[in-house]
mmCIF file of all heavy atoms, coordinates in Angstrom:
data_MODEL
# 
_entry.id   MODEL 
# 
loop_
_atom_site.group_PDB 
_atom_site.id 
_atom_site.type_symbol 
_atom_site.label_atom_id 
_atom_site.label_alt_id 
_atom_site.label_comp_id 
_atom_site.label_asym_id 
_atom_site.label_entity_id 
_atom_site.label_seq_id 
_atom_site.pdbx_PDB_ins_code 
_atom_site.Cartn_x 
_atom_site.Cartn_y 
_atom_site.Cartn_z 
_atom_site.occupancy 
_atom_site.B_iso_or_equiv 
_atom_site.pdbx_formal_charge 
_atom_site.auth_seq_id 
_atom_site.auth_comp_id 
_atom_site.auth_asym_id 
_atom_site.auth_atom_id 
_atom_site.pdbx_PDB_model_num 
ATOM 1   N N   . GLY A 1 1  ? -19.393 20.112 -39.250 1.00 0.00 ? 1  GLY A N   1 
ATOM 2   C CA  . GLY A 1 1  ? -20.486 20.688 -38.474 1.00 0.00 ? 1  GLY A CA  1 
ATOM 3   C C   . GLY A 1 1  ? -20.896 22.053 -38.975 1.00 0.00 ? 1  GLY A C   1 
ATOM 4   O O   . GLY A 1 1  ? -22.087 22.346 -39.120 1.00 0.00 ? 1  GLY A O   1 
ATOM 5   N N   . THR A 1 2  ? -19.918 22.900 -39.255 1.00 0.00 ? 2  THR A N   1 
ATOM 6   C CA  . THR A 1 2  ? -20.212 24.234 -39.784 1.00 0.00 ? 2  THR A CA  1 
ATOM 7   C C   . THR A 1 2  ? -20.975 24.136 -41.094 1.00 0.00 ? 2  THR A C   1 
ATOM 8   O O   . THR A 1 2  ? -21.970 24.844 -41.297 1.00 0.00 ? 2  THR A O   1 
ATOM 9   C CB  . THR A 1 2  ? -18.908 25.026 -39.975 1.00 0.00 ? 2  THR A CB  1 
ATOM 10  O OG1 . THR A 1 2  ? -18.276 25.184 -38.699 1.00 0.00 ? 2  THR A OG1 1 
ATOM 11  C CG2 . THR A 1 2  ? -19.175 26.384 -40.594 1.00 0.00 ? 2  THR A CG2 1 
ATOM 12  N N   . ASP A 1 3  ? -20.535 23.230 -41.965 1.00 0.00 ? 3  ASP A N   1 
ATOM 13  C CA  . ASP A 1 3  ? -21.200 23.076 -43.262 1.00 0.00 ? 3  ASP A CA  1 
ATOM 14  C C   . ASP A 1 3  ? -22.652 22.626 -43.119 1.00 0.00 ? 3  ASP A C   1 
ATOM 15  O O   . ASP A 1 3  ? -23.512 23.057 -43.884 1.00 0.00 ? 3  ASP A O   1 
ATOM 16  C CB  . ASP A 1 3  ? -20.450 22.082 -44.147 1.00 0.00 ? 3  ASP A CB  1 
ATOM 17  C CG  . ASP A 1 3  ? -19.284 22.696 -44.889 1.00 0.00 ? 3  ASP A CG  1 
ATOM 18  O OD1 . ASP A 1 3  ? -19.010 23.899 -44.712 1.00 0.00 ? 3  ASP A OD1 1 
ATOM 19  O OD2 . ASP A 1 3  ? -18.627 21.956 -45.655 1.00 0.00 ? 3  ASP A OD2 1 
ATOM 20  N N   . VAL A 1 4  ? -22.920 21.745 -42.181 1.00 0.00 ? 4  VAL A N   1 
ATOM 21  C CA  . VAL A 1 4  ? -24.283 21.198 -42.082 1.00 0.00 ? 4  VAL A CA  1 
ATOM 22  C C   . VAL A 1 4  ? -25.108 21.845 -40.975 1.00 0.00 ? 4  VAL A C   1 
ATOM 23  O O   . VAL A 1 4  ? -26.237 21.434 -40.722 1.00 0.00 ? 4  VAL A O   1 
ATOM 24  C CB  . VAL A 1 4  ? -24.290 19.660 -41.946 1.00 0.00 ? 4  VAL A CB  1 
ATOM 25  C CG1 . VAL A 1 4  ? -23.614 19.019 -43.137 1.00 0.00 ? 4  VAL A CG1 1 
ATOM 26  C CG2 . VAL A 1 4  ? -23.654 19.197 -40.651 1.00 0.00 ? 4  VAL A CG2 1 
ATOM 27  N N   . GLY A 1 5  ? -24.558 22.877 -40.329 1.00 0.00 ? 5  GLY A N   1 
ATOM 28  C CA  . GLY A 1 5  ? -25.341 23.659 -39.380 1.00 0.00 ? 5  GLY A CA  1 
ATOM 29  C C   . GLY A 1 5  ? -25.457 23.074 -37.982 1.00 0.00 ? 5  GLY A C   1 
ATOM 30  O O   . GLY A 1 5  ? -26.452 23.310 -37.294 1.00 0.00 ? 5  GLY A O   1 
ATOM 31  N N   . VAL A 1 6  ? -24.433 22.324 -37.570 1.00 0.00 ? 6  VAL A N   1 
ATOM 32  C CA  . VAL A 1 6  ? -24.415 21.798 -36.195 1.00 0.00 ? 6  VAL A CA  1 
ATOM 33  C C   . VAL A 1 6  ? -23.061 22.135 -35.578 1.00 0.00 ? 6  VAL A C   1 
ATOM 34  O O   . VAL A 1 6  ? -22.138 22.544 -36.264 1.00 0.00 ? 6  VAL A O   1 
ATOM 35  C CB  . VAL A 1 6  ? -24.668 20.269 -36.150 1.00 0.00 ? 6  VAL A CB  1 
ATOM 36  C CG1 . VAL A 1 6  ? -26.027 19.934 -36.753 1.00 0.00 ? 6  VAL A CG1 1 
ATOM 37  C CG2 . VAL A 1 6  ? -23.564 19.489 -36.839 1.00 0.00 ? 6  VAL A CG2 1 
ATOM 38  N N   . THR A 1 7  ? -22.957 21.929 -34.284 1.00 0.00 ? 7  THR A N   1 
ATOM 39  C CA  . THR A 1 7  ? -21.690 22.201 -33.612 1.00 0.00 ? 7  THR A CA  1 
ATOM 40  C C   . THR A 1 7  ? -20.655 21.139 -33.965 1.00 0.00 ? 7  THR A C   1 
ATOM 41  O O   . THR A 1 7  ? -21.004 20.013 -34.342 1.00 0.00 ? 7  THR A O   1 
ATOM 42  C CB  . THR A 1 7  ? -21.869 22.210 -32.083 1.00 0.00 ? 7  THR A CB  1 
ATOM 43  O OG1 . THR A 1 7  ? -22.271 20.901 -31.658 1.00 0.00 ? 7  THR A OG1 1 
ATOM 44  C CG2 . THR A 1 7  ? -22.895 23.258 -31.646 1.00 0.00 ? 7  THR A CG2 1 
ATOM 45  N N   . GLY A 1 8  ? -19.408 21.499 -33.816 1.00 0.00 ? 8  GLY A N   1 
ATOM 46  C CA  . GLY A 1 8  ? -18.336 20.536 -34.032 1.00 0.00 ? 8  GLY A CA  1 
ATOM 47  C C   . GLY A 1 8  ? -18.425 19.372 -33.068 1.00 0.00 ? 8  GLY A C   1 
ATOM 48  O O   . GLY A 1 8  ? -18.135 18.230 -33.430 1.00 0.00 ? 8  GLY A O   1 
ATOM 49  N N   . SER A 1 9  ? -18.857 19.651 -31.830 1.00 0.00 ? 9  SER A N   1 
ATOM 50  C CA  . SER A 1 9  ? -18.966 18.556 -30.855 1.00 0.00 ? 9  SER A CA  1 
ATOM 51  C C   . SER A 1 9  ? -20.064 17.574 -31.257 1.00 0.00 ? 9  SER A C   1 
ATOM 52  O O   . SER A 1 9  ? -19.894 16.358 -31.095 1.00 0.00 ? 9  SER A O   1 
ATOM 53  C CB  . SER A 1 9  ? -19.193 19.090 -29.441 1.00 0.00 ? 9  SER A CB  1 
ATOM 54  O OG  . SER A 1 9  ? -20.388 19.832 -29.358 1.00 0.00 ? 9  SER A OG  1 
ATOM 55  N N   . LEU A 1 10 ? -21.160 18.064 -31.800 1.00 0.00 ? 10 LEU A N   1 
ATOM 56  C CA  . LEU A 1 10 ? -22.210 17.152 -32.266 1.00 0.00 ? 10 LEU A CA  1 
ATOM 57  C C   . LEU A 1 10 ? -21.722 16.350 -33.469 1.00 0.00 ? 10 LEU A C   1 
ATOM 58  O O   . LEU A 1 10 ? -21.973 15.145 -33.569 1.00 0.00 ? 10 LEU A O   1 
ATOM 59  C CB  . LEU A 1 10 ? -23.493 17.910 -32.614 1.00 0.00 ? 10 LEU A CB  1 
ATOM 60  C CG  . LEU A 1 10 ? -24.669 17.060 -33.081 1.00 0.00 ? 10 LEU A CG  1 
ATOM 61  C CD1 . LEU A 1 10 ? -25.016 15.976 -32.058 1.00 0.00 ? 10 LEU A CD1 1 
ATOM 62  C CD2 . LEU A 1 10 ? -25.875 17.925 -33.378 1.00 0.00 ? 10 LEU A CD2 1 
ATOM 63  N N   . ALA A 1 11 ? -20.984 16.997 -34.348 1.00 0.00 ? 11 ALA A N   1 
ATOM 64  C CA  . ALA A 1 11 ? -20.416 16.286 -35.499 1.00 0.00 ? 11 ALA A CA  1 
ATOM 65  C C   . ALA A 1 11 ? -19.473 15.177 -35.035 1.00 0.00 ? 11 ALA A C   1 
ATOM 66  O O   . ALA A 1 11 ? -19.470 14.074 -35.595 1.00 0.00 ? 11 ALA A O   1 
ATOM 67  C CB  . ALA A 1 11 ? -19.682 17.264 -36.417 1.00 0.00 ? 11 ALA A CB  1 
ATOM 68  N N   . ARG A 1 12 ? -18.697 15.431 -33.998 1.00 0.00 ? 12 ARG A N   1 
ATOM 69  C CA  . ARG A 1 12 ? -17.801 14.401 -33.450 1.00 0.00 ? 12 ARG A CA  1 
ATOM 70  C C   . ARG A 1 12 ? -18.598 13.248 -32.836 1.00 0.00 ? 12 ARG A C   1 
ATOM 71  O O   . ARG A 1 12 ? -18.196 12.089 -32.955 1.00 0.00 ? 12 ARG A O   1 
ATOM 72  C CB  . ARG A 1 12 ? -16.829 15.007 -32.438 1.00 0.00 ? 12 ARG A CB  1 
ATOM 73  C CG  . ARG A 1 12 ? -15.727 15.817 -33.108 1.00 0.00 ? 12 ARG A CG  1 
ATOM 74  C CD  . ARG A 1 12 ? -14.673 16.292 -32.118 1.00 0.00 ? 12 ARG A CD  1 
ATOM 75  N NE  . ARG A 1 12 ? -15.161 17.329 -31.211 1.00 0.00 ? 12 ARG A NE  1 
ATOM 76  C CZ  . ARG A 1 12 ? -15.283 18.612 -31.532 1.00 0.00 ? 12 ARG A CZ  1 
ATOM 77  N NH1 . ARG A 1 12 ? -14.944 19.040 -32.733 1.00 0.00 ? 12 ARG A NH1 1 
ATOM 78  N NH2 . ARG A 1 12 ? -15.721 19.480 -30.646 1.00 0.00 ? 12 ARG A NH2 1 
ATOM 79  N N   . VAL A 1 13 ? -19.716 13.549 -32.205 1.00 0.00 ? 13 VAL A N   1 
ATOM 80  C CA  . VAL A 1 13 ? -20.581 12.497 -31.656 1.00 0.00 ? 13 VAL A CA  1 
ATOM 81  C C   . VAL A 1 13 ? -21.115 11.631 -32.795 1.00 0.00 ? 13 VAL A C   1 
ATOM 82  O O   . VAL A 1 13 ? -21.094 10.401 -32.719 1.00 0.00 ? 13 VAL A O   1 
ATOM 83  C CB  . VAL A 1 13 ? -21.736 13.095 -30.819 1.00 0.00 ? 13 VAL A CB  1 
ATOM 84  C CG1 . VAL A 1 13 ? -22.791 12.046 -30.499 1.00 0.00 ? 13 VAL A CG1 1 
ATOM 85  C CG2 . VAL A 1 13 ? -21.194 13.718 -29.544 1.00 0.00 ? 13 VAL A CG2 1 
ATOM 86  N N   . TRP A 1 14 ? -21.616 12.262 -33.848 1.00 0.00 ? 14 TRP A N   1 
ATOM 87  C CA  . TRP A 1 14 ? -22.119 11.506 -35.002 1.00 0.00 ? 14 TRP A CA  1 
ATOM 88  C C   . TRP A 1 14 ? -21.027 10.618 -35.568 1.00 0.00 ? 14 TRP A C   1 
ATOM 89  O O   . TRP A 1 14 ? -21.270 9.457  -35.899 1.00 0.00 ? 14 TRP A O   1 
ATOM 90  C CB  . TRP A 1 14 ? -22.624 12.438 -36.084 1.00 0.00 ? 14 TRP A CB  1 
ATOM 91  C CG  . TRP A 1 14 ? -23.878 13.182 -35.753 1.00 0.00 ? 14 TRP A CG  1 
ATOM 92  C CD1 . TRP A 1 14 ? -24.693 12.999 -34.677 1.00 0.00 ? 14 TRP A CD1 1 
ATOM 93  C CD2 . TRP A 1 14 ? -24.452 14.236 -36.516 1.00 0.00 ? 14 TRP A CD2 1 
ATOM 94  N NE1 . TRP A 1 14 ? -25.740 13.880 -34.727 1.00 0.00 ? 14 TRP A NE1 1 
ATOM 95  C CE2 . TRP A 1 14 ? -25.624 14.652 -35.851 1.00 0.00 ? 14 TRP A CE2 1 
ATOM 96  C CE3 . TRP A 1 14 ? -24.095 14.880 -37.686 1.00 0.00 ? 14 TRP A CE3 1 
ATOM 97  C CZ2 . TRP A 1 14 ? -26.429 15.665 -36.329 1.00 0.00 ? 14 TRP A CZ2 1 
ATOM 98  C CZ3 . TRP A 1 14 ? -24.895 15.892 -38.169 1.00 0.00 ? 14 TRP A CZ3 1 
ATOM 99  C CH2 . TRP A 1 14 ? -26.061 16.282 -37.497 1.00 0.00 ? 14 TRP A CH2 1 
ATOM 100 N N   . LYS A 1 15 ? -19.825 11.164 -35.677 1.00 0.00 ? 15 LYS A N   1 
ATOM 101 C CA  . LYS A 1 15 ? -18.701 10.396 -36.220 1.00 0.00 ? 15 LYS A CA  1 
ATOM 102 C C   . LYS A 1 15 ? -18.412 9.194  -35.331 1.00 0.00 ? 15 LYS A C   1 
ATOM 103 O O   . LYS A 1 15 ? -18.258 8.080  -35.824 1.00 0.00 ? 15 LYS A O   1 
ATOM 104 C CB  . LYS A 1 15 ? -17.480 11.298 -36.346 1.00 0.00 ? 15 LYS A CB  1 
ATOM 105 C CG  . LYS A 1 15 ? -16.272 10.614 -36.914 1.00 0.00 ? 15 LYS A CG  1 
ATOM 106 C CD  . LYS A 1 15 ? -15.108 11.586 -37.015 1.00 0.00 ? 15 LYS A CD  1 
ATOM 107 C CE  . LYS A 1 15 ? -13.829 10.884 -37.400 1.00 0.00 ? 15 LYS A CE  1 
ATOM 108 N NZ  . LYS A 1 15 ? -12.695 11.809 -37.412 1.00 0.00 ? 15 LYS A NZ  1 
ATOM 109 N N   . SER A 1 16 ? -18.338 9.401  -34.034 1.00 0.00 ? 16 SER A N   1 
ATOM 110 C CA  . SER A 1 16 ? -18.006 8.300  -33.130 1.00 0.00 ? 16 SER A CA  1 
ATOM 111 C C   . SER A 1 16 ? -19.117 7.259  -33.073 1.00 0.00 ? 16 SER A C   1 
ATOM 112 O O   . SER A 1 16 ? -18.850 6.070  -32.887 1.00 0.00 ? 16 SER A O   1 
ATOM 113 C CB  . SER A 1 16 ? -17.691 8.811  -31.723 1.00 0.00 ? 16 SER A CB  1 
ATOM 114 O OG  . SER A 1 16 ? -18.854 9.298  -31.091 1.00 0.00 ? 16 SER A OG  1 
ATOM 115 N N   . ARG A 1 17 ? -20.353 7.678  -33.276 1.00 0.00 ? 17 ARG A N   1 
ATOM 116 C CA  . ARG A 1 17 ? -21.496 6.748  -33.269 1.00 0.00 ? 17 ARG A CA  1 
ATOM 117 C C   . ARG A 1 17 ? -21.824 6.210  -34.657 1.00 0.00 ? 17 ARG A C   1 
ATOM 118 O O   . ARG A 1 17 ? -22.734 5.389  -34.799 1.00 0.00 ? 17 ARG A O   1 
ATOM 119 C CB  . ARG A 1 17 ? -22.731 7.441  -32.693 1.00 0.00 ? 17 ARG A CB  1 
ATOM 120 C CG  . ARG A 1 17 ? -22.590 7.767  -31.230 1.00 0.00 ? 17 ARG A CG  1 
ATOM 121 C CD  . ARG A 1 17 ? -23.853 8.376  -30.691 1.00 0.00 ? 17 ARG A CD  1 
ATOM 122 N NE  . ARG A 1 17 ? -23.683 8.710  -29.282 1.00 0.00 ? 17 ARG A NE  1 
ATOM 123 C CZ  . ARG A 1 17 ? -24.528 9.444  -28.595 1.00 0.00 ? 17 ARG A CZ  1 
ATOM 124 N NH1 . ARG A 1 17 ? -25.627 9.923  -29.175 1.00 0.00 ? 17 ARG A NH1 1 
ATOM 125 N NH2 . ARG A 1 17 ? -24.310 9.712  -27.334 1.00 0.00 ? 17 ARG A NH2 1 
ATOM 126 N N   . ASN A 1 18 ? -21.093 6.704  -35.652 1.00 0.00 ? 18 ASN A N   1 
ATOM 127 C CA  . ASN A 1 18 ? -21.324 6.298  -37.034 1.00 0.00 ? 18 ASN A CA  1 
ATOM 128 C C   . ASN A 1 18 ? -22.791 6.485  -37.426 1.00 0.00 ? 18 ASN A C   1 
ATOM 129 O O   . ASN A 1 18 ? -23.461 5.571  -37.901 1.00 0.00 ? 18 ASN A O   1 
ATOM 130 C CB  . ASN A 1 18 ? -20.876 4.854  -37.266 1.00 0.00 ? 18 ASN A CB  1 
ATOM 131 C CG  . ASN A 1 18 ? -20.851 4.487  -38.731 1.00 0.00 ? 18 ASN A CG  1 
ATOM 132 O OD1 . ASN A 1 18 ? -20.591 5.325  -39.582 1.00 0.00 ? 18 ASN A OD1 1 
ATOM 133 N ND2 . ASN A 1 18 ? -21.133 3.242  -39.035 1.00 0.00 ? 18 ASN A ND2 1 
ATOM 134 N N   . THR A 1 19 ? -23.256 7.699  -37.216 1.00 0.00 ? 19 THR A N   1 
ATOM 135 C CA  . THR A 1 19 ? -24.649 8.019  -37.522 1.00 0.00 ? 19 THR A CA  1 
ATOM 136 C C   . THR A 1 19 ? -24.723 9.370  -38.222 1.00 0.00 ? 19 THR A C   1 
ATOM 137 O O   . THR A 1 19 ? -23.811 10.187 -38.117 1.00 0.00 ? 19 THR A O   1 
ATOM 138 C CB  . THR A 1 19 ? -25.502 8.024  -36.238 1.00 0.00 ? 19 THR A CB  1 
ATOM 139 O OG1 . THR A 1 19 ? -26.878 8.090  -36.593 1.00 0.00 ? 19 THR A OG1 1 
ATOM 140 C CG2 . THR A 1 19 ? -25.162 9.176  -35.315 1.00 0.00 ? 19 THR A CG2 1 
ATOM 141 N N   . LEU A 1 20 ? -25.804 9.566  -38.932 1.00 0.00 ? 20 LEU A N   1 
ATOM 142 C CA  . LEU A 1 20 ? -26.047 10.832 -39.612 1.00 0.00 ? 20 LEU A CA  1 
ATOM 143 C C   . LEU A 1 20 ? -27.558 10.974 -39.765 1.00 0.00 ? 20 LEU A C   1 
ATOM 144 O O   . LEU A 1 20 ? -28.166 10.289 -40.582 1.00 0.00 ? 20 LEU A O   1 
ATOM 145 C CB  . LEU A 1 20 ? -25.356 10.833 -40.974 1.00 0.00 ? 20 LEU A CB  1 
ATOM 146 C CG  . LEU A 1 20 ? -25.262 12.143 -41.736 1.00 0.00 ? 20 LEU A CG  1 
ATOM 147 C CD1 . LEU A 1 20 ? -24.621 13.235 -40.905 1.00 0.00 ? 20 LEU A CD1 1 
ATOM 148 C CD2 . LEU A 1 20 ? -24.483 11.936 -43.002 1.00 0.00 ? 20 LEU A CD2 1 
ATOM 149 N N   . PRO A 1 21 ? -28.192 11.822 -38.960 1.00 0.00 ? 21 PRO A N   1 
ATOM 150 C CA  . PRO A 1 21 ? -29.637 11.954 -39.004 1.00 0.00 ? 21 PRO A CA  1 
ATOM 151 C C   . PRO A 1 21 ? -30.148 12.336 -40.396 1.00 0.00 ? 21 PRO A C   1 
ATOM 152 O O   . PRO A 1 21 ? -29.607 13.249 -41.032 1.00 0.00 ? 21 PRO A O   1 
ATOM 153 C CB  . PRO A 1 21 ? -29.935 13.063 -37.990 1.00 0.00 ? 21 PRO A CB  1 
ATOM 154 C CG  . PRO A 1 21 ? -28.769 13.019 -37.046 1.00 0.00 ? 21 PRO A CG  1 
ATOM 155 C CD  . PRO A 1 21 ? -27.592 12.670 -37.913 1.00 0.00 ? 21 PRO A CD  1 
ATOM 156 N N   . PRO A 1 22 ? -31.180 11.641 -40.870 1.00 0.00 ? 22 PRO A N   1 
ATOM 157 C CA  . PRO A 1 22 ? -31.707 11.893 -42.223 1.00 0.00 ? 22 PRO A CA  1 
ATOM 158 C C   . PRO A 1 22 ? -32.106 13.338 -42.486 1.00 0.00 ? 22 PRO A C   1 
ATOM 159 O O   . PRO A 1 22 ? -32.009 13.801 -43.620 1.00 0.00 ? 22 PRO A O   1 
ATOM 160 C CB  . PRO A 1 22 ? -32.912 10.962 -42.314 1.00 0.00 ? 22 PRO A CB  1 
ATOM 161 C CG  . PRO A 1 22 ? -32.593 9.842  -41.377 1.00 0.00 ? 22 PRO A CG  1 
ATOM 162 C CD  . PRO A 1 22 ? -31.836 10.492 -40.241 1.00 0.00 ? 22 PRO A CD  1 
ATOM 163 N N   . ARG A 1 23 ? -32.522 14.076 -41.472 1.00 0.00 ? 23 ARG A N   1 
ATOM 164 C CA  . ARG A 1 23 ? -32.937 15.465 -41.709 1.00 0.00 ? 23 ARG A CA  1 
ATOM 165 C C   . ARG A 1 23 ? -31.774 16.333 -42.196 1.00 0.00 ? 23 ARG A C   1 
ATOM 166 O O   . ARG A 1 23 ? -31.987 17.426 -42.715 1.00 0.00 ? 23 ARG A O   1 
ATOM 167 C CB  . ARG A 1 23 ? -33.597 16.053 -40.466 1.00 0.00 ? 23 ARG A CB  1 
ATOM 168 C CG  . ARG A 1 23 ? -32.672 16.279 -39.304 1.00 0.00 ? 23 ARG A CG  1 
ATOM 169 C CD  . ARG A 1 23 ? -33.425 16.869 -38.108 1.00 0.00 ? 23 ARG A CD  1 
ATOM 170 N NE  . ARG A 1 23 ? -32.600 16.982 -36.950 1.00 0.00 ? 23 ARG A NE  1 
ATOM 171 C CZ  . ARG A 1 23 ? -32.420 16.038 -36.046 1.00 0.00 ? 23 ARG A CZ  1 
ATOM 172 N NH1 . ARG A 1 23 ? -33.024 14.887 -36.158 1.00 0.00 ? 23 ARG A NH1 1 
ATOM 173 N NH2 . ARG A 1 23 ? -31.632 16.238 -35.000 1.00 0.00 ? 23 ARG A NH2 1 
ATOM 174 N N   . HIS A 1 24 ? -30.539 15.846 -42.058 1.00 0.00 ? 24 HIS A N   1 
ATOM 175 C CA  . HIS A 1 24 ? -29.356 16.600 -42.494 1.00 0.00 ? 24 HIS A CA  1 
ATOM 176 C C   . HIS A 1 24 ? -28.794 16.111 -43.825 1.00 0.00 ? 24 HIS A C   1 
ATOM 177 O O   . HIS A 1 24 ? -27.848 16.697 -44.347 1.00 0.00 ? 24 HIS A O   1 
ATOM 178 C CB  . HIS A 1 24 ? -28.263 16.523 -41.427 1.00 0.00 ? 24 HIS A CB  1 
ATOM 179 C CG  . HIS A 1 24 ? -28.644 17.168 -40.145 1.00 0.00 ? 24 HIS A CG  1 
ATOM 180 N ND1 . HIS A 1 24 ? -28.571 18.538 -39.946 1.00 0.00 ? 24 HIS A ND1 1 
ATOM 181 C CD2 . HIS A 1 24 ? -29.135 16.651 -38.992 1.00 0.00 ? 24 HIS A CD2 1 
ATOM 182 C CE1 . HIS A 1 24 ? -28.998 18.820 -38.725 1.00 0.00 ? 24 HIS A CE1 1 
ATOM 183 N NE2 . HIS A 1 24 ? -29.335 17.692 -38.133 1.00 0.00 ? 24 HIS A NE2 1 
ATOM 184 N N   . TRP A 1 25 ? -29.345 15.043 -44.372 1.00 0.00 ? 25 TRP A N   1 
ATOM 185 C CA  . TRP A 1 25 ? -28.784 14.430 -45.572 1.00 0.00 ? 25 TRP A CA  1 
ATOM 186 C C   . TRP A 1 25 ? -28.677 15.388 -46.754 1.00 0.00 ? 25 TRP A C   1 
ATOM 187 O O   . TRP A 1 25 ? -27.652 15.423 -47.424 1.00 0.00 ? 25 TRP A O   1 
ATOM 188 C CB  . TRP A 1 25 ? -29.592 13.210 -45.989 1.00 0.00 ? 25 TRP A CB  1 
ATOM 189 C CG  . TRP A 1 25 ? -29.400 12.023 -45.108 1.00 0.00 ? 25 TRP A CG  1 
ATOM 190 C CD1 . TRP A 1 25 ? -28.673 11.938 -43.943 1.00 0.00 ? 25 TRP A CD1 1 
ATOM 191 C CD2 . TRP A 1 25 ? -29.967 10.732 -45.303 1.00 0.00 ? 25 TRP A CD2 1 
ATOM 192 N NE1 . TRP A 1 25 ? -28.755 10.673 -43.422 1.00 0.00 ? 25 TRP A NE1 1 
ATOM 193 C CE2 . TRP A 1 25 ? -29.546 9.910  -44.236 1.00 0.00 ? 25 TRP A CE2 1 
ATOM 194 C CE3 . TRP A 1 25 ? -30.791 10.195 -46.280 1.00 0.00 ? 25 TRP A CE3 1 
ATOM 195 C CZ2 . TRP A 1 25 ? -29.918 8.576  -44.134 1.00 0.00 ? 25 TRP A CZ2 1 
ATOM 196 C CZ3 . TRP A 1 25 ? -31.164 8.870  -46.165 1.00 0.00 ? 25 TRP A CZ3 1 
ATOM 197 C CH2 . TRP A 1 25 ? -30.729 8.066  -45.107 1.00 0.00 ? 25 TRP A CH2 1 
ATOM 198 N N   . ASN A 1 26 ? -29.729 16.133 -47.035 1.00 0.00 ? 26 ASN A N   1 
ATOM 199 C CA  . ASN A 1 26 ? -29.694 17.034 -48.205 1.00 0.00 ? 26 ASN A CA  1 
ATOM 200 C C   . ASN A 1 26 ? -28.542 18.030 -48.107 1.00 0.00 ? 26 ASN A C   1 
ATOM 201 O O   . ASN A 1 26 ? -27.835 18.271 -49.093 1.00 0.00 ? 26 ASN A O   1 
ATOM 202 C CB  . ASN A 1 26 ? -31.021 17.779 -48.375 1.00 0.00 ? 26 ASN A CB  1 
ATOM 203 C CG  . ASN A 1 26 ? -32.110 16.893 -48.916 1.00 0.00 ? 26 ASN A CG  1 
ATOM 204 O OD1 . ASN A 1 26 ? -31.864 16.011 -49.726 1.00 0.00 ? 26 ASN A OD1 1 
ATOM 205 N ND2 . ASN A 1 26 ? -33.328 17.124 -48.467 1.00 0.00 ? 26 ASN A ND2 1 
ATOM 206 N N   . LEU A 1 27 ? -28.354 18.594 -46.934 1.00 0.00 ? 27 LEU A N   1 
ATOM 207 C CA  . LEU A 1 27 ? -27.270 19.566 -46.754 1.00 0.00 ? 27 LEU A CA  1 
ATOM 208 C C   . LEU A 1 27 ? -25.903 18.885 -46.807 1.00 0.00 ? 27 LEU A C   1 
ATOM 209 O O   . LEU A 1 27 ? -24.955 19.443 -47.363 1.00 0.00 ? 27 LEU A O   1 
ATOM 210 C CB  . LEU A 1 27 ? -27.457 20.310 -45.431 1.00 0.00 ? 27 LEU A CB  1 
ATOM 211 C CG  . LEU A 1 27 ? -26.768 21.658 -45.288 1.00 0.00 ? 27 LEU A CG  1 
ATOM 212 C CD1 . LEU A 1 27 ? -27.045 22.580 -46.474 1.00 0.00 ? 27 LEU A CD1 1 
ATOM 213 C CD2 . LEU A 1 27 ? -27.185 22.322 -43.998 1.00 0.00 ? 27 LEU A CD2 1 
ATOM 214 N N   . VAL A 1 28 ? -25.795 17.676 -46.267 1.00 0.00 ? 28 VAL A N   1 
ATOM 215 C CA  . VAL A 1 28 ? -24.539 16.932 -46.342 1.00 0.00 ? 28 VAL A CA  1 
ATOM 216 C C   . VAL A 1 28 ? -24.166 16.687 -47.801 1.00 0.00 ? 28 VAL A C   1 
ATOM 217 O O   . VAL A 1 28 ? -23.016 16.890 -48.206 1.00 0.00 ? 28 VAL A O   1 
ATOM 218 C CB  . VAL A 1 28 ? -24.634 15.593 -45.566 1.00 0.00 ? 28 VAL A CB  1 
ATOM 219 C CG1 . VAL A 1 28 ? -23.441 14.702 -45.859 1.00 0.00 ? 28 VAL A CG1 1 
ATOM 220 C CG2 . VAL A 1 28 ? -24.749 15.850 -44.069 1.00 0.00 ? 28 VAL A CG2 1 
# 
């Protein structure tokens, strides 16, 4: 989350939902 500019809790939500919004792909 820190690396891609979101909270750790949001990163955990993405992980549990197996999702990654395209607007964050370049930074990922």
